[in-house]
Amino acid sequence: MARKLPDKNQIAAASTLIVVGAEAAHKAWEALNKDDRVSDALRGLGAKLKASASVRSPEARLLKQLDLIDEYALKLGAHPAGADRATAWLQESSSIRAKLPLVQAQPGRQGKVNLKQLRARASGLLTEIITSDLAPDDPLG
């Protein structure tokens, strides 16, 4: 069954509605955004969304983990009983952190594989810290 095409009057009416609607939308935008408040708010929202999206990157998550490891190890290092293990954790964290720029410079699949290996090392270090019998809040020796 063949479809009936709209006649020229229907096309003219539709195009008039589009033009009038576009003009009305433009006037409404100008009234709302006369001092650029809406535009500035939208730009600010865009910046926040961009920042939150970057946190979701594997590199950002790895850096967050390393920051937490460093923070915990530094607290633990203040106690004499935990200083040696805290130093080892800080050294491992520093080693992972130092290799991250090299991995980021690698293109394609190999870079992703090496980043995954660094993330596995950081996760292993976190597991070691979590399962340790030392805690920075505990009175140690």
Protein backbone atom coordinates (compact mmCIF):
# COMPACT_ATOMS: atom_id res chain seq x y z
CA MET A 1 0.00 0.00 0.00
CA ALA A 2 1.49 3.30 -1.06
CA ARG A 3 1.88 6.05 1.47
CA LYS A 4 0.20 9.36 0.72
CA LEU A 5 2.56 12.31 0.71
CA PRO A 6 1.46 15.49 2.49
CA ASP A 7 0.21 18.25 0.24
CA LYS A 8 1.88 21.66 -0.06
CA ASN A 9 -0.53 23.28 2.45
CA GLN A 10 0.39 20.76 5.15
CA ILE A 11 4.08 21.29 4.44
CA ALA A 12 3.67 25.08 4.63
CA ALA A 13 1.77 24.83 7.93
CA ALA A 14 4.42 22.55 9.43
CA SER A 15 7.27 24.83 8.36
CA THR A 16 5.45 27.87 9.83
CA LEU A 17 5.09 26.04 13.15
CA ILE A 18 8.78 25.19 13.15
CA VAL A 19 9.83 28.80 12.46
CA VAL A 20 7.42 30.24 15.04
CA GLY A 21 8.47 27.61 17.60
CA ALA A 22 12.15 28.33 17.02
CA GLU A 23 11.59 32.07 17.40
CA ALA A 24 9.61 31.53 20.60
CA ALA A 25 12.30 29.24 21.99
CA HIS A 26 14.97 31.83 21.16
CA LYS A 27 13.00 34.62 22.87
CA ALA A 28 12.41 32.45 25.94
CA TRP A 29 16.12 31.63 26.12
CA GLU A 30 17.08 35.29 25.85
CA ALA A 31 14.64 36.20 28.64
CA LEU A 32 15.98 33.47 30.95
CA ASN A 33 19.62 34.02 30.12
CA LYS A 34 19.77 37.82 29.86
CA ASP A 35 22.72 38.09 32.28
CA ASP A 36 24.29 34.68 31.38
CA ARG A 37 23.32 33.06 34.69
CA VAL A 38 21.81 30.02 33.01
CA SER A 39 24.77 29.63 30.65
CA ASP A 40 27.23 29.91 33.53
CA ALA A 41 25.30 27.36 35.56
CA LEU A 42 25.28 24.93 32.63
CA ARG A 43 29.02 25.40 32.10
CA GLY A 44 29.62 24.78 35.83
CA LEU A 45 27.56 21.63 35.71
CA GLY A 46 29.51 20.47 32.67
CA ALA A 47 32.80 21.01 34.51
CA LYS A 48 31.55 19.00 37.51
CA LEU A 49 30.39 16.17 35.26
CA LYS A 50 33.74 16.15 33.51
CA ALA A 51 35.55 15.99 36.84
CA SER A 52 33.38 13.15 38.09
CA ALA A 53 33.89 11.24 34.86
CA SER A 54 37.65 11.48 35.23
CA VAL A 55 37.45 9.88 38.68
CA ARG A 56 35.98 6.84 37.06
CA SER A 57 39.14 6.26 35.04
CA PRO A 58 41.30 3.30 36.05
CA GLU A 59 44.29 5.61 36.55
CA ALA A 60 42.34 7.85 38.92
CA ARG A 61 41.11 4.88 40.92
CA LEU A 62 44.66 3.56 41.17
CA LEU A 63 45.94 6.93 42.38
CA LYS A 64 43.12 7.07 44.94
CA GLN A 65 44.10 3.63 46.24
CA LEU A 66 47.75 4.66 46.47
CA ASP A 67 46.82 7.84 48.33
CA LEU A 68 44.85 5.78 50.87
CA ILE A 69 47.73 3.32 51.26
CA ASP A 70 50.17 6.19 51.86
CA GLU A 71 47.85 7.84 54.37
CA TYR A 72 47.41 4.62 56.35
CA ALA A 73 51.10 3.74 56.26
CA LEU A 74 52.10 7.21 57.44
CA LYS A 75 49.73 6.95 60.40
CA LEU A 76 51.06 3.51 61.23
CA GLY A 77 54.67 4.65 60.78
CA ALA A 78 54.29 6.98 63.76
CA HIS A 79 54.23 3.90 66.02
CA PRO A 80 57.60 2.16 66.52
CA ALA A 81 56.09 -1.34 66.30
CA GLY A 82 54.64 -0.69 62.86
CA ALA A 83 57.37 1.47 61.35
CA ASP A 84 59.10 -1.31 59.39
CA ARG A 85 55.93 -2.61 57.74
CA ALA A 86 54.70 0.92 57.08
CA THR A 87 58.00 1.72 55.37
CA ALA A 88 57.68 -1.37 53.16
CA TRP A 89 54.12 -0.41 52.21
CA LEU A 90 55.19 3.14 51.38
CA GLN A 91 58.05 1.83 49.23
CA GLU A 92 55.71 -0.48 47.32
CA SER A 93 53.20 2.32 46.85
CA SER A 94 55.94 4.64 45.60
CA SER A 95 57.14 1.97 43.18
CA ILE A 96 53.65 1.55 41.72
CA ARG A 97 53.16 5.32 41.53
CA ALA A 98 56.52 5.79 39.76
CA LYS A 99 55.61 3.27 37.06
CA LEU A 100 52.19 4.76 36.30
CA PRO A 101 53.49 7.50 33.93
CA LEU A 102 55.41 4.84 31.97
CA VAL A 103 52.28 2.73 31.63
CA GLN A 104 50.22 5.76 30.60
CA ALA A 105 52.73 6.43 27.83
CA GLN A 106 52.20 2.98 26.35
CA PRO A 107 49.62 2.96 23.58
CA GLY A 108 46.82 0.48 23.10
CA ARG A 109 46.44 -2.98 24.50
CA GLN A 110 49.85 -3.26 26.14
CA GLY A 111 49.23 -0.10 28.17
CA LYS A 112 45.91 -1.49 29.38
CA VAL A 113 47.52 -4.80 30.33
CA ASN A 114 50.29 -3.09 32.28
CA LEU A 115 47.81 -0.76 34.00
CA LYS A 116 45.83 -3.82 35.03
CA GLN A 117 49.03 -5.30 36.51
CA LEU A 118 49.70 -2.12 38.50
CA ARG A 119 46.12 -2.12 39.77
CA ALA A 120 46.54 -5.77 40.82
CA ARG A 121 49.71 -4.87 42.75
CA ALA A 122 47.89 -2.02 44.50
CA SER A 123 44.94 -4.29 45.32
CA GLY A 124 47.32 -6.89 46.73
CA LEU A 125 48.97 -4.24 48.85
CA LEU A 126 45.57 -3.07 50.11
CA THR A 127 44.67 -6.66 50.98
CA GLU A 128 47.94 -7.08 52.86
CA ILE A 129 47.29 -3.90 54.82
CA ILE A 130 43.66 -4.79 55.58
CA THR A 131 44.53 -8.28 56.78
CA SER A 132 47.52 -7.16 58.84
CA ASP A 133 47.32 -7.25 62.61
CA LEU A 134 48.52 -3.65 62.79
CA ALA A 135 46.23 -0.65 62.89
CA PRO A 136 47.24 3.00 63.32
CA ASP A 137 44.54 3.53 65.93
CA ASP A 138 45.67 0.65 68.15
CA PRO A 139 48.13 1.32 70.95
CA LEU A 140 51.18 -0.52 69.67
CA GLY A 141 53.85 -1.53 72.09
